[in-house]
């Protein structure tokens, strides 16, 4: 279920990759906005990593990868890295929203 354009040059391939990267970054920014919102709903910083949720997301992503014709190993590795980075971002947001009591 991909809409891959048949390219006739390396320049065209690179142009298509750049186009896809822009779309992916727009979605990454949107996802980041939701991650920041999630920090509001978590009482303790220890709640941020949510390992059970991470495993649910990874299972869903690898299944979708197979369905959409993407390499499940690439999808899983990508999501693991992305989730790790978002956990750090959410921890920072959580700390800003929930400063330690003095």
C-alpha atoms as a PDB file:
ATOM      1  CA  UNK A   1       0.000   0.000   0.000  1.00  0.00           C
ATOM      2  CA  UNK A   2       2.747   2.423  -0.874  1.00  0.00           C
ATOM      3  CA  UNK A   3       2.622   5.264  -3.329  1.00  0.00           C
ATOM      4  CA  UNK A   4       6.222   4.968  -4.440  1.00  0.00           C
ATOM      5  CA  UNK A   5       6.898   6.935  -7.606  1.00  0.00           C
ATOM      6  CA  UNK A   6       9.071   5.175 -10.166  1.00  0.00           C
ATOM      7  CA  UNK A   7      12.149   7.387 -10.395  1.00  0.00           C
ATOM      8  CA  UNK A   8      14.388   7.726 -13.419  1.00  0.00           C
ATOM      9  CA  UNK A   9      17.393   9.324 -11.698  1.00  0.00           C
ATOM     10  CA  UNK A  10      19.178   9.506  -8.384  1.00  0.00           C
ATOM     11  CA  UNK A  11      18.250  13.191  -8.219  1.00  0.00           C
ATOM     12  CA  UNK A  12      14.581  12.268  -8.470  1.00  0.00           C
ATOM     13  CA  UNK A  13      14.986   9.595  -5.763  1.00  0.00           C
ATOM     14  CA  UNK A  14      16.588  12.157  -3.480  1.00  0.00           C
ATOM     15  CA  UNK A  15      13.848  14.675  -4.196  1.00  0.00           C
ATOM     16  CA  UNK A  16      11.203  12.123  -3.248  1.00  0.00           C
ATOM     17  CA  UNK A  17      13.103  11.226  -0.059  1.00  0.00           C
ATOM     18  CA  UNK A  18      13.280  14.930   0.849  1.00  0.00           C
ATOM     19  CA  UNK A  19       9.525  15.250   0.265  1.00  0.00           C
ATOM     20  CA  UNK A  20       8.791  12.240   2.468  1.00  0.00           C
ATOM     21  CA  UNK A  21      11.170  13.530   5.170  1.00  0.00           C
ATOM     22  CA  UNK A  22       9.233  16.799   5.302  1.00  0.00           C
ATOM     23  CA  UNK A  23       5.947  14.931   5.725  1.00  0.00           C
ATOM     24  CA  UNK A  24       7.443  12.692   8.395  1.00  0.00           C
ATOM     25  CA  UNK A  25       8.800  15.693  10.306  1.00  0.00           C
ATOM     26  CA  UNK A  26       5.399  17.353  10.262  1.00  0.00           C
ATOM     27  CA  UNK A  27       3.930  14.196  11.798  1.00  0.00           C
ATOM     28  CA  UNK A  28       6.805  13.983  14.282  1.00  0.00           C
ATOM     29  CA  UNK A  29       6.048  17.526  15.407  1.00  0.00           C
ATOM     30  CA  UNK A  30       2.376  16.636  15.820  1.00  0.00           C
ATOM     31  CA  UNK A  31       3.281  13.510  17.807  1.00  0.00           C
ATOM     32  CA  UNK A  32       5.565  15.615  19.998  1.00  0.00           C
ATOM     33  CA  UNK A  33       2.687  17.917  20.819  1.00  0.00           C
ATOM     34  CA  UNK A  34       0.707  14.977  22.134  1.00  0.00           C
ATOM     35  CA  UNK A  35       3.683  13.662  24.096  1.00  0.00           C
ATOM     36  CA  UNK A  36       3.949  17.043  25.824  1.00  0.00           C
ATOM     37  CA  UNK A  37       0.263  16.897  26.688  1.00  0.00           C
ATOM     38  CA  UNK A  38       0.699  13.405  28.154  1.00  0.00           C
ATOM     39  CA  UNK A  39       3.075  14.843  30.765  1.00  0.00           C
ATOM     40  CA  UNK A  40       0.149  16.776  32.263  1.00  0.00           C
ATOM     41  CA  UNK A  41      -1.674  13.570  33.095  1.00  0.00           C
ATOM     42  CA  UNK A  42       1.197  11.741  34.792  1.00  0.00           C
ATOM     43  CA  UNK A  43       1.594  12.438  38.484  1.00  0.00           C
ATOM     44  CA  UNK A  44       5.120  11.083  38.892  1.00  0.00           C
ATOM     45  CA  UNK A  45       8.168  11.150  36.613  1.00  0.00           C
ATOM     46  CA  UNK A  46       8.365   7.370  37.065  1.00  0.00           C
ATOM     47  CA  UNK A  47       5.076   7.140  35.135  1.00  0.00           C
ATOM     48  CA  UNK A  48       6.609   8.689  32.013  1.00  0.00           C
ATOM     49  CA  UNK A  49       8.495   5.700  30.518  1.00  0.00           C
ATOM     50  CA  UNK A  50       5.383   3.447  30.583  1.00  0.00           C
ATOM     51  CA  UNK A  51       7.090   0.231  29.394  1.00  0.00           C
ATOM     52  CA  UNK A  52       3.800  -1.633  28.872  1.00  0.00           C
ATOM     53  CA  UNK A  53       2.573   1.154  26.595  1.00  0.00           C
ATOM     54  CA  UNK A  54       5.877   1.115  24.708  1.00  0.00           C
ATOM     55  CA  UNK A  55       5.479  -2.604  24.019  1.00  0.00           C
ATOM     56  CA  UNK A  56       1.874  -2.063  22.865  1.00  0.00           C
ATOM     57  CA  UNK A  57       3.004   0.646  20.456  1.00  0.00           C
ATOM     58  CA  UNK A  58       5.852  -1.490  19.105  1.00  0.00           C
ATOM     59  CA  UNK A  59       3.554  -4.462  18.537  1.00  0.00           C
ATOM     60  CA  UNK A  60       1.073  -2.242  16.710  1.00  0.00           C
ATOM     61  CA  UNK A  61       3.793  -0.624  14.613  1.00  0.00           C
ATOM     62  CA  UNK A  62       5.389  -3.887  13.516  1.00  0.00           C
ATOM     63  CA  UNK A  63       1.972  -5.233  12.557  1.00  0.00           C
ATOM     64  CA  UNK A  64       1.189  -2.104  10.576  1.00  0.00           C
ATOM     65  CA  UNK A  65       4.609  -2.275   8.937  1.00  0.00           C
ATOM     66  CA  UNK A  66       3.843  -5.753   7.642  1.00  0.00           C
ATOM     67  CA  UNK A  67       0.397  -4.629   6.468  1.00  0.00           C
ATOM     68  CA  UNK A  68       1.815  -1.601   4.631  1.00  0.00           C
ATOM     69  CA  UNK A  69       4.807  -3.367   3.104  1.00  0.00           C
ATOM     70  CA  UNK A  70       7.454  -1.734   5.308  1.00  0.00           C
ATOM     71  CA  UNK A  71      10.333  -3.639   6.862  1.00  0.00           C
ATOM     72  CA  UNK A  72       9.143  -4.496  10.407  1.00  0.00           C
ATOM     73  CA  UNK A  73      12.723  -4.493  11.750  1.00  0.00           C
ATOM     74  CA  UNK A  74      13.323  -0.979  10.420  1.00  0.00           C
ATOM     75  CA  UNK A  75       9.980   0.187  11.799  1.00  0.00           C
ATOM     76  CA  UNK A  76      10.686  -1.277  15.233  1.00  0.00           C
ATOM     77  CA  UNK A  77      14.209   0.170  15.408  1.00  0.00           C
ATOM     78  CA  UNK A  78      12.913   3.570  14.282  1.00  0.00           C
ATOM     79  CA  UNK A  79      10.096   3.607  16.810  1.00  0.00           C
ATOM     80  CA  UNK A  80      12.362   2.434  19.635  1.00  0.00           C
ATOM     81  CA  UNK A  81      14.729   5.337  18.953  1.00  0.00           C
ATOM     82  CA  UNK A  82      11.857   7.795  18.555  1.00  0.00           C
ATOM     83  CA  UNK A  83      10.140   6.633  21.739  1.00  0.00           C
ATOM     84  CA  UNK A  84      13.394   6.890  23.715  1.00  0.00           C
ATOM     85  CA  UNK A  85      13.849  10.478  22.513  1.00  0.00           C
ATOM     86  CA  UNK A  86      10.227  11.349  23.278  1.00  0.00           C
ATOM     87  CA  UNK A  87      10.538   9.873  26.778  1.00  0.00           C
ATOM     88  CA  UNK A  88      13.400  12.302  27.434  1.00  0.00           C
ATOM     89  CA  UNK A  89      11.317  15.155  26.041  1.00  0.00           C
ATOM     90  CA  UNK A  90       8.327  14.166  28.157  1.00  0.00           C
ATOM     91  CA  UNK A  91      10.494  13.890  31.280  1.00  0.00           C
ATOM     92  CA  UNK A  92      11.665  17.466  30.713  1.00  0.00           C
ATOM     93  CA  UNK A  93       8.083  18.635  30.180  1.00  0.00           C
ATOM     94  CA  UNK A  94       6.949  16.739  33.274  1.00  0.00           C
ATOM     95  CA  UNK A  95       9.705  18.358  35.363  1.00  0.00           C
ATOM     96  CA  UNK A  96       8.629  21.802  34.138  1.00  0.00           C
ATOM     97  CA  UNK A  97       4.972  21.108  34.941  1.00  0.00           C
ATOM     98  CA  UNK A  98       5.625  19.387  38.256  1.00  0.00           C
ATOM     99  CA  UNK A  99       8.571  21.121  39.949  1.00  0.00           C
ATOM    100  CA  UNK A 100       9.808  19.480  43.143  1.00  0.00           C
ATOM    101  CA  UNK A 101       8.246  20.781  46.340  1.00  0.00           C
ATOM    102  CA  UNK A 102      10.540  22.855  48.504  1.00  0.00           C
END
